[in-house]
Amino acid sequence: MESGQQYELTLLDILMPFMTGMDLAKEIRQFNQDVKIIFLTSSPEFAVESYSVGAYYYALKPIWKDKLFILLDKVIFEMESHAGASFLIKSKTGLTRVYIKKLEFAEIIGRSIFYHLTDGSVIEALGSMLELEKELLSTPCFIKPHRSYIINMEHIDTLSQREIKMQSLSLVPMAKANCHTVKSDYIAFAFKGAENL
C-alpha cells in the first residue's frame, strides 16, 4: 500500500507478533479508506474498537469454511454492485458524474449543493435539500444527521453527540434530535448483514 498497490479486501488476525491487527488496520486506513477489513480472531475484546477502523466484519475463531465462504461471497457481491453506482449532477462546469463510493458528504448552503469527495475535491451545483434527499437517501449508505447535510456512512471516522468526524477529518454537525437515530443506524450499517451469517 505504501508503494501505491491497491487492495479491495484484507483479512486480519488481531493477535499477531510485533503488532496487533487493530494497529495494522489503523495503518491501512492511512493509505486506503475504501478497502474492506475483516477480522478473523480468537479474541472478542477488540470487537467494539473495530468500529473505529470501519471493519466490515469481526468473526471469532474457529472459522468454519461454509460460513467464511458465505461472508466472502457477500463482500464480493457488495463490492461489485457498488463499484459503479453513480448519479449525474448539473454542476457549474457542466454534467458531472458522482460515484457513490467517492462521495463523502453533501451540504446545502443557500440554493447550492456542495458535494465533498474522498479525494478532497468539492463540486458545486444548484439544487435543494428535497432534490438531494430524493437522490441520496434511497441508497442505504446515506443518512441525514442535520438539516443541511447528508453523509455517506462508509466514510465516518468518529461519532459524537454534537458532530461527526469524517475520514477526511471534516466535521459535520449533528442535530440533537437526530443523534440516537444516526448512532443506531450507523451501528446497523457498520455490521450490515452480520445476523444473516
Protein backbone atom coordinates (compact mmCIF):
# COMPACT_ATOMS: atom_id res chain seq x y z
CA MET A 1 0.00 0.00 0.00
CA GLU A 2 2.88 2.36 0.75
CA SER A 3 4.06 1.85 -2.83
CA GLY A 4 0.61 2.56 -4.26
CA GLN A 5 -0.70 -1.01 -4.59
CA GLN A 6 -4.49 -1.07 -4.17
CA TYR A 7 -6.47 -3.79 -2.39
CA GLU A 8 -10.22 -4.25 -2.06
CA LEU A 9 -10.28 -6.71 0.86
CA THR A 10 -7.98 -7.61 3.75
CA LEU A 11 -8.33 -10.47 6.25
CA LEU A 12 -6.58 -9.70 9.53
CA ASP A 13 -5.97 -11.54 12.78
CA ILE A 14 -5.93 -9.46 15.96
CA LEU A 15 -3.21 -11.25 17.92
CA MET A 16 -0.02 -11.23 15.85
CA PRO A 17 3.70 -10.89 16.65
CA PHE A 18 5.18 -7.36 16.62
CA MET A 19 1.84 -5.52 16.21
CA THR A 20 -1.87 -6.15 16.68
CA GLY A 21 -4.28 -6.47 13.79
CA MET A 22 -6.01 -3.35 15.09
CA ASP A 23 -2.77 -1.34 14.80
CA LEU A 24 -2.27 -2.72 11.31
CA ALA A 25 -5.84 -1.76 10.35
CA LYS A 26 -5.16 1.81 11.52
CA GLU A 27 -2.07 1.93 9.31
CA ILE A 28 -4.03 0.51 6.37
CA ARG A 29 -6.61 3.29 6.77
CA GLN A 30 -3.84 5.87 6.26
CA PHE A 31 -3.41 4.55 2.72
CA ASN A 32 -6.86 3.26 1.80
CA GLN A 33 -10.23 4.33 3.20
CA ASP A 34 -12.23 2.00 0.95
CA VAL A 35 -10.63 -1.41 1.49
CA LYS A 36 -12.93 -3.84 3.35
CA ILE A 37 -11.38 -5.14 6.56
CA ILE A 38 -12.49 -8.47 8.03
CA PHE A 39 -11.06 -9.55 11.38
CA LEU A 40 -10.72 -13.31 11.98
CA THR A 41 -9.63 -13.75 15.59
CA SER A 42 -9.91 -15.73 18.80
CA SER A 43 -10.12 -12.52 20.86
CA PRO A 44 -13.53 -10.85 21.36
CA GLU A 45 -12.06 -7.89 23.29
CA PHE A 46 -11.39 -5.69 20.21
CA ALA A 47 -14.86 -6.04 18.63
CA VAL A 48 -16.05 -2.59 19.75
CA GLU A 49 -12.75 -0.95 18.76
CA SER A 50 -13.13 -2.40 15.25
CA TYR A 51 -15.81 0.28 14.63
CA SER A 52 -13.07 2.91 14.73
CA VAL A 53 -11.30 1.42 11.70
CA GLY A 54 -14.52 0.77 9.78
CA ALA A 55 -14.26 -3.01 9.94
CA TYR A 56 -16.69 -4.80 7.66
CA TYR A 57 -16.96 -7.84 9.92
CA TYR A 58 -15.48 -9.24 13.13
CA ALA A 59 -15.51 -13.07 13.24
CA LEU A 60 -14.44 -15.22 16.16
CA LYS A 61 -12.44 -18.40 15.62
CA PRO A 62 -12.93 -21.21 14.91
CA ILE A 63 -13.97 -20.09 11.42
CA TRP A 64 -15.88 -22.74 9.52
CA LYS A 65 -15.33 -22.96 5.78
CA ASP A 66 -19.02 -22.68 4.80
CA LYS A 67 -19.54 -19.60 7.00
CA LEU A 68 -16.36 -17.94 5.68
CA PHE A 69 -17.37 -18.58 2.06
CA ILE A 70 -20.83 -17.07 2.66
CA LEU A 71 -19.16 -13.98 4.16
CA LEU A 72 -16.66 -13.65 1.29
CA ASP A 73 -19.40 -14.13 -1.34
CA LYS A 74 -21.44 -11.39 0.34
CA VAL A 75 -18.49 -8.98 0.45
CA ILE A 76 -17.56 -9.64 -3.20
CA PHE A 77 -21.16 -9.20 -4.34
CA GLU A 78 -21.44 -5.92 -2.44
CA MET A 79 -18.16 -4.58 -3.82
CA GLU A 80 -19.16 -5.46 -7.37
CA SER A 81 -22.64 -3.96 -7.05
CA HIS A 82 -21.40 -0.69 -5.53
CA ALA A 83 -18.28 -0.24 -7.63
CA GLY A 84 -20.01 1.63 -10.43
CA ALA A 85 -23.03 3.11 -8.64
CA SER A 86 -23.23 6.79 -9.58
CA PHE A 87 -25.50 9.67 -10.48
CA LEU A 88 -25.26 12.77 -12.67
CA ILE A 89 -25.39 16.34 -11.40
CA LYS A 90 -25.52 19.60 -13.28
CA SER A 91 -22.51 21.45 -11.92
CA LYS A 92 -21.16 24.87 -12.89
CA THR A 93 -18.82 23.21 -15.38
CA GLY A 94 -21.50 21.00 -16.99
CA LEU A 95 -22.77 17.48 -16.33
CA THR A 96 -20.61 15.67 -13.79
CA ARG A 97 -20.80 12.01 -12.75
CA VAL A 98 -20.50 11.47 -8.99
CA TYR A 99 -19.65 7.96 -7.80
CA ILE A 100 -21.40 6.93 -4.58
CA LYS A 101 -18.23 5.26 -3.30
CA LYS A 102 -16.29 8.53 -3.63
CA LEU A 103 -18.92 10.87 -2.16
CA GLU A 104 -18.09 11.57 1.48
CA PHE A 105 -20.91 14.03 2.21
CA ALA A 106 -23.08 16.71 0.66
CA GLU A 107 -24.15 20.01 2.20
CA ILE A 108 -26.67 22.68 1.30
CA ILE A 109 -25.72 26.35 1.55
CA GLY A 110 -28.44 28.65 0.26
CA ARG A 111 -29.52 27.32 -3.13
CA SER A 112 -26.26 25.47 -3.74
CA ILE A 113 -25.31 21.85 -3.07
CA PHE A 114 -21.66 21.14 -2.33
CA TYR A 115 -20.57 17.53 -2.99
CA HIS A 116 -17.45 16.71 -0.96
CA LEU A 117 -15.48 13.83 -2.50
CA THR A 118 -12.96 11.49 -0.88
CA ASP A 119 -10.10 12.94 -2.95
CA GLY A 120 -10.66 16.35 -1.31
CA SER A 121 -12.38 17.98 -4.29
CA VAL A 122 -15.74 19.75 -3.97
CA ILE A 123 -18.32 20.00 -6.75
CA GLU A 124 -20.86 22.83 -6.57
CA ALA A 125 -24.31 22.53 -8.14
CA LEU A 126 -27.64 24.30 -7.89
CA GLY A 127 -30.34 22.38 -6.03
CA SER A 128 -32.45 21.94 -2.92
CA MET A 129 -32.38 19.60 0.07
CA LEU A 130 -35.54 17.94 -1.26
CA GLU A 131 -33.73 17.04 -4.51
CA LEU A 132 -30.67 15.89 -2.59
CA GLU A 133 -32.75 13.67 -0.31
CA LYS A 134 -34.51 12.13 -3.30
CA GLU A 135 -31.14 11.41 -4.95
CA LEU A 136 -29.22 10.04 -1.96
CA LEU A 137 -31.44 8.77 0.85
CA SER A 138 -32.73 5.86 -1.23
CA THR A 139 -29.17 4.45 -1.05
CA PRO A 140 -28.60 2.58 2.27
CA CYS A 141 -25.17 4.12 2.97
CA PHE A 142 -26.54 7.69 3.28
CA ILE A 143 -28.08 9.33 6.32
CA LYS A 144 -29.15 12.87 7.25
CA PRO A 145 -27.67 13.95 10.62
CA HIS A 146 -28.52 17.64 10.20
CA ARG A 147 -30.95 19.69 8.12
CA SER A 148 -28.13 20.89 5.84
CA TYR A 149 -26.10 17.66 5.46
CA ILE A 150 -26.34 14.16 4.07
CA ILE A 151 -23.36 11.91 4.78
CA ASN A 152 -22.03 8.63 3.42
CA MET A 153 -21.70 6.28 6.41
CA GLU A 154 -18.90 4.43 4.60
CA HIS A 155 -16.66 7.44 5.36
CA ILE A 156 -17.45 8.11 9.03
CA ASP A 157 -14.44 8.19 11.33
CA THR A 158 -15.99 9.14 14.69
CA LEU A 159 -19.48 9.88 16.00
CA SER A 160 -20.06 12.16 18.98
CA GLN A 161 -23.10 13.86 20.49
CA ARG A 162 -22.68 17.12 18.55
CA GLU A 163 -20.75 16.25 15.40
CA ILE A 164 -19.47 13.57 13.07
CA LYS A 165 -15.82 13.44 12.09
CA MET A 166 -15.43 12.10 8.58
CA GLN A 167 -12.36 10.17 7.39
CA SER A 168 -11.12 13.34 5.66
CA LEU A 169 -11.24 14.97 9.15
CA SER A 170 -14.12 17.24 8.01
CA LEU A 171 -16.61 17.88 10.80
CA VAL A 172 -20.35 17.58 10.11
CA PRO A 173 -22.78 18.92 12.75
CA MET A 174 -25.21 16.52 14.41
CA ALA A 175 -28.71 17.77 15.26
CA LYS A 176 -29.53 16.80 18.84
CA ALA A 177 -32.84 15.29 17.76
CA ASN A 178 -31.08 13.02 15.25
CA CYS A 179 -28.25 11.75 17.48
CA HIS A 180 -29.86 8.49 18.66
CA THR A 181 -31.17 7.56 15.20
CA VAL A 182 -27.86 8.29 13.48
CA LYS A 183 -25.89 6.22 16.01
CA SER A 184 -28.21 3.22 15.84
CA ASP A 185 -28.38 3.38 12.03
CA TYR A 186 -24.60 3.59 11.81
CA ILE A 187 -24.09 0.59 14.09
CA ALA A 188 -26.56 -1.41 11.99
CA PHE A 189 -24.85 -0.24 8.79
CA ALA A 190 -21.31 -0.95 10.05
CA PHE A 191 -22.15 -4.59 10.66
CA LYS A 192 -24.81 -4.98 7.98
CA GLY A 193 -25.85 -8.48 7.26
CA ALA A 194 -23.88 -9.96 10.17
CA GLU A 195 -27.02 -11.50 11.65
CA ASN A 196 -27.59 -13.46 8.42
CA LEU A 197 -24.25 -15.28 8.61
